[in-house]
Amino acid sequence: MLPPGGTRLLQVAFTPGAEGERTASLEFEANVQAGPHRVALTGTGTAP
């Protein structure tokens, strides 16, 4: 839990499971009326 005006650093790894352009989203909630927050993620999957 963060105090009002507080910040938190998050590290997210997006590792596509197939080749080519891939998209996903990271969604999190806050206790504000704006609803859930969504961040778009994009990446290019490559062959292992």
PDB file of N, CA and C in Angstrom:
ATOM      1  N   MET A   1       0.837  -1.161   0.000  1.00  0.00           N
ATOM      2  CA  MET A   1       0.000   0.000   0.000  1.00  0.00           C
ATOM      3  C   MET A   1       0.890   1.235   0.000  1.00  0.00           C
ATOM      4  N   LEU A   2       0.502   2.198  -0.821  1.00  0.00           N
ATOM      5  CA  LEU A   2       1.267   3.437  -0.936  1.00  0.00           C
ATOM      6  C   LEU A   2       0.512   4.583  -0.283  1.00  0.00           C
ATOM      7  N   PRO A   3       1.238   5.505   0.307  1.00  0.00           N
ATOM      8  CA  PRO A   3       0.568   6.694   0.820  1.00  0.00           C
ATOM      9  C   PRO A   3       0.146   7.584  -0.343  1.00  0.00           C
ATOM     10  N   PRO A   4      -0.795   8.486  -0.137  1.00  0.00           N
ATOM     11  CA  PRO A   4      -1.187   9.414  -1.213  1.00  0.00           C
ATOM     12  C   PRO A   4       0.035  10.139  -1.773  1.00  0.00           C
ATOM     13  N   GLY A   5       0.171  10.143  -3.088  1.00  0.00           N
ATOM     14  CA  GLY A   5       1.311  10.781  -3.750  1.00  0.00           C
ATOM     15  C   GLY A   5       2.567   9.935  -3.759  1.00  0.00           C
ATOM     16  N   GLY A   6       2.523   8.745  -3.173  1.00  0.00           N
ATOM     17  CA  GLY A   6       3.692   7.873  -3.133  1.00  0.00           C
ATOM     18  C   GLY A   6       3.952   7.229  -4.484  1.00  0.00           C
ATOM     19  N   THR A   7       5.128   6.695  -4.666  1.00  0.00           N
ATOM     20  CA  THR A   7       5.491   6.020  -5.912  1.00  0.00           C
ATOM     21  C   THR A   7       6.071   4.649  -5.594  1.00  0.00           C
ATOM     22  N   ARG A   8       6.061   3.794  -6.610  1.00  0.00           N
ATOM     23  CA  ARG A   8       6.626   2.456  -6.477  1.00  0.00           C
ATOM     24  C   ARG A   8       7.205   2.068  -7.829  1.00  0.00           C
ATOM     25  N   LEU A   9       8.392   1.544  -7.849  1.00  0.00           N
ATOM     26  CA  LEU A   9       9.024   1.065  -9.072  1.00  0.00           C
ATOM     27  C   LEU A   9       8.643  -0.391  -9.288  1.00  0.00           C
ATOM     28  N   LEU A  10       8.147  -0.695 -10.485  1.00  0.00           N
ATOM     29  CA  LEU A  10       7.818  -2.069 -10.854  1.00  0.00           C
ATOM     30  C   LEU A  10       8.683  -2.469 -12.031  1.00  0.00           C
ATOM     31  N   GLN A  11       9.180  -3.676 -12.020  1.00  0.00           N
ATOM     32  CA  GLN A  11       9.917  -4.209 -13.160  1.00  0.00           C
ATOM     33  C   GLN A  11       9.092  -5.345 -13.751  1.00  0.00           C
ATOM     34  N   VAL A  12       8.872  -5.266 -15.058  1.00  0.00           N
ATOM     35  CA  VAL A  12       8.048  -6.251 -15.746  1.00  0.00           C
ATOM     36  C   VAL A  12       8.851  -6.826 -16.898  1.00  0.00           C
ATOM     37  N   ALA A  13       8.861  -8.133 -17.033  1.00  0.00           N
ATOM     38  CA  ALA A  13       9.498  -8.790 -18.170  1.00  0.00           C
ATOM     39  C   ALA A  13       8.401  -9.331 -19.073  1.00  0.00           C
ATOM     40  N   PHE A  14       8.418  -8.930 -20.327  1.00  0.00           N
ATOM     41  CA  PHE A  14       7.468  -9.424 -21.324  1.00  0.00           C
ATOM     42  C   PHE A  14       8.254 -10.313 -22.268  1.00  0.00           C
ATOM     43  N   THR A  15       8.007 -11.603 -22.215  1.00  0.00           N
ATOM     44  CA  THR A  15       8.737 -12.578 -23.017  1.00  0.00           C
ATOM     45  C   THR A  15       7.746 -13.308 -23.917  1.00  0.00           C
ATOM     46  N   PRO A  16       7.590 -12.842 -25.170  1.00  0.00           N
ATOM     47  CA  PRO A  16       6.644 -13.512 -26.078  1.00  0.00           C
ATOM     48  C   PRO A  16       6.982 -14.990 -26.233  1.00  0.00           C
ATOM     49  N   GLY A  17       5.947 -15.818 -26.276  1.00  0.00           N
ATOM     50  CA  GLY A  17       6.135 -17.262 -26.381  1.00  0.00           C
ATOM     51  C   GLY A  17       6.127 -17.789 -27.801  1.00  0.00           C
ATOM     52  N   ALA A  18       6.023 -16.903 -28.792  1.00  0.00           N
ATOM     53  CA  ALA A  18       6.028 -17.324 -30.188  1.00  0.00           C
ATOM     54  C   ALA A  18       6.728 -16.244 -31.009  1.00  0.00           C
ATOM     55  N   GLU A  19       7.171 -16.619 -32.190  1.00  0.00           N
ATOM     56  CA  GLU A  19       7.871 -15.665 -33.056  1.00  0.00           C
ATOM     57  C   GLU A  19       6.935 -14.590 -33.578  1.00  0.00           C
ATOM     58  N   GLY A  20       7.513 -13.432 -33.897  1.00  0.00           N
ATOM     59  CA  GLY A  20       6.760 -12.340 -34.502  1.00  0.00           C
ATOM     60  C   GLY A  20       6.322 -11.306 -33.484  1.00  0.00           C
ATOM     61  N   GLU A  21       5.637 -10.293 -33.992  1.00  0.00           N
ATOM     62  CA  GLU A  21       5.142  -9.213 -33.142  1.00  0.00           C
ATOM     63  C   GLU A  21       4.086  -9.735 -32.183  1.00  0.00           C
ATOM     64  N   ARG A  22       4.180  -9.368 -30.933  1.00  0.00           N
ATOM     65  CA  ARG A  22       3.233  -9.798 -29.911  1.00  0.00           C
ATOM     66  C   ARG A  22       2.835  -8.602 -29.057  1.00  0.00           C
ATOM     67  N   THR A  23       1.620  -8.651 -28.545  1.00  0.00           N
ATOM     68  CA  THR A  23       1.141  -7.598 -27.659  1.00  0.00           C
ATOM     69  C   THR A  23       0.536  -8.233 -26.415  1.00  0.00           C
ATOM     70  N   ALA A  24       0.507  -7.468 -25.353  1.00  0.00           N
ATOM     71  CA  ALA A  24      -0.117  -7.888 -24.105  1.00  0.00           C
ATOM     72  C   ALA A  24      -0.446  -6.623 -23.333  1.00  0.00           C
ATOM     73  N   SER A  25      -1.023  -6.781 -22.172  1.00  0.00           N
ATOM     74  CA  SER A  25      -1.261  -5.609 -21.337  1.00  0.00           C
ATOM     75  C   SER A  25      -1.034  -5.978 -19.875  1.00  0.00           C
ATOM     76  N   LEU A  26      -0.607  -4.990 -19.133  1.00  0.00           N
ATOM     77  CA  LEU A  26      -0.424  -5.105 -17.697  1.00  0.00           C
ATOM     78  C   LEU A  26      -1.537  -4.285 -17.071  1.00  0.00           C
ATOM     79  N   GLU A  27      -2.320  -4.898 -16.223  1.00  0.00           N
ATOM     80  CA  GLU A  27      -3.450  -4.187 -15.617  1.00  0.00           C
ATOM     81  C   GLU A  27      -3.308  -4.224 -14.105  1.00  0.00           C
ATOM     82  N   PHE A  28      -3.547  -3.082 -13.480  1.00  0.00           N
ATOM     83  CA  PHE A  28      -3.517  -3.034 -12.025  1.00  0.00           C
ATOM     84  C   PHE A  28      -4.593  -2.079 -11.542  1.00  0.00           C
ATOM     85  N   GLU A  29      -5.005  -2.282 -10.320  1.00  0.00           N
ATOM     86  CA  GLU A  29      -6.066  -1.469  -9.747  1.00  0.00           C
ATOM     87  C   GLU A  29      -5.518  -0.555  -8.676  1.00  0.00           C
ATOM     88  N   ALA A  30      -6.201   0.556  -8.502  1.00  0.00           N
ATOM     89  CA  ALA A  30      -5.882   1.508  -7.443  1.00  0.00           C
ATOM     90  C   ALA A  30      -7.195   1.865  -6.759  1.00  0.00           C
ATOM     91  N   ASN A  31      -7.110   2.394  -5.580  1.00  0.00           N
ATOM     92  CA  ASN A  31      -8.331   2.728  -4.861  1.00  0.00           C
ATOM     93  C   ASN A  31      -8.806   4.135  -5.210  1.00  0.00           C
ATOM     94  N   VAL A  32      -8.908   4.383  -6.511  1.00  0.00           N
ATOM     95  CA  VAL A  32      -9.451   5.641  -7.030  1.00  0.00           C
ATOM     96  C   VAL A  32     -10.601   5.307  -7.970  1.00  0.00           C
ATOM     97  N   GLN A  33     -11.434   6.261  -8.251  1.00  0.00           N
ATOM     98  CA  GLN A  33     -12.605   6.002  -9.081  1.00  0.00           C
ATOM     99  C   GLN A  33     -12.275   5.877 -10.559  1.00  0.00           C
ATOM    100  N   ALA A  34     -11.049   6.099 -10.944  1.00  0.00           N
ATOM    101  CA  ALA A  34     -10.677   6.024 -12.357  1.00  0.00           C
ATOM    102  C   ALA A  34     -10.733   4.591 -12.887  1.00  0.00           C
ATOM    103  N   GLY A  35     -10.887   3.611 -12.019  1.00  0.00           N
ATOM    104  CA  GLY A  35     -10.947   2.222 -12.458  1.00  0.00           C
ATOM    105  C   GLY A  35      -9.567   1.637 -12.627  1.00  0.00           C
ATOM    106  N   PRO A  36      -9.487   0.436 -13.206  1.00  0.00           N
ATOM    107  CA  PRO A  36      -8.178  -0.203 -13.378  1.00  0.00           C
ATOM    108  C   PRO A  36      -7.315   0.576 -14.368  1.00  0.00           C
ATOM    109  N   HIS A  37      -6.034   0.499 -14.159  1.00  0.00           N
ATOM    110  CA  HIS A  37      -5.064   1.133 -15.052  1.00  0.00           C
ATOM    111  C   HIS A  37      -4.480   0.045 -15.945  1.00  0.00           C
ATOM    112  N   ARG A  38      -4.301   0.339 -17.220  1.00  0.00           N
ATOM    113  CA  ARG A  38      -3.815  -0.648 -18.176  1.00  0.00           C
ATOM    114  C   ARG A  38      -2.641  -0.053 -18.944  1.00  0.00           C
ATOM    115  N   VAL A  39      -1.554  -0.816 -19.026  1.00  0.00           N
ATOM    116  CA  VAL A  39      -0.359  -0.408 -19.756  1.00  0.00           C
ATOM    117  C   VAL A  39      -0.143  -1.398 -20.888  1.00  0.00           C
ATOM    118  N   ALA A  40      -0.027  -0.903 -22.122  1.00  0.00           N
ATOM    119  CA  ALA A  40       0.195  -1.772 -23.274  1.00  0.00           C
ATOM    120  C   ALA A  40       1.646  -2.238 -23.310  1.00  0.00           C
ATOM    121  N   LEU A  41       1.851  -3.509 -23.651  1.00  0.00           N
ATOM    122  CA  LEU A  41       3.187  -4.084 -23.811  1.00  0.00           C
ATOM    123  C   LEU A  41       3.301  -4.609 -25.244  1.00  0.00           C
ATOM    124  N   THR A  42       4.426  -4.386 -25.868  1.00  0.00           N
ATOM    125  CA  THR A  42       4.673  -4.927 -27.204  1.00  0.00           C
ATOM    126  C   THR A  42       6.080  -5.521 -27.231  1.00  0.00           C
ATOM    127  N   GLY A  43       6.268  -6.483 -28.095  1.00  0.00           N
ATOM    128  CA  GLY A  43       7.579  -7.107 -28.229  1.00  0.00           C
ATOM    129  C   GLY A  43       7.622  -7.982 -29.466  1.00  0.00           C
ATOM    130  N   THR A  44       8.814  -8.414 -29.805  1.00  0.00           N
ATOM    131  CA  THR A  44       9.014  -9.300 -30.941  1.00  0.00           C
ATOM    132  C   THR A  44       9.593 -10.608 -30.436  1.00  0.00           C
ATOM    133  N   GLY A  45       8.834 -11.680 -30.621  1.00  0.00           N
ATOM    134  CA  GLY A  45       9.325 -12.997 -30.220  1.00  0.00           C
ATOM    135  C   GLY A  45      10.326 -13.506 -31.236  1.00  0.00           C
ATOM    136  N   THR A  46      11.354 -14.197 -30.738  1.00  0.00           N
ATOM    137  CA  THR A  46      12.379 -14.764 -31.609  1.00  0.00           C
ATOM    138  C   THR A  46      12.504 -16.261 -31.328  1.00  0.00           C
ATOM    139  N   ALA A  47      13.021 -16.993 -32.285  1.00  0.00           N
ATOM    140  CA  ALA A  47      13.211 -18.425 -32.130  1.00  0.00           C
ATOM    141  C   ALA A  47      14.312 -18.681 -31.097  1.00  0.00           C
ATOM    142  N   PRO A  48      14.149 -19.708 -30.272  1.00  0.00           N
ATOM    143  CA  PRO A  48      15.171 -20.012 -29.241  1.00  0.00           C
ATOM    144  C   PRO A  48      16.471 -20.471 -29.866  1.00  0.00           C
TER     145      PRO A  48
END
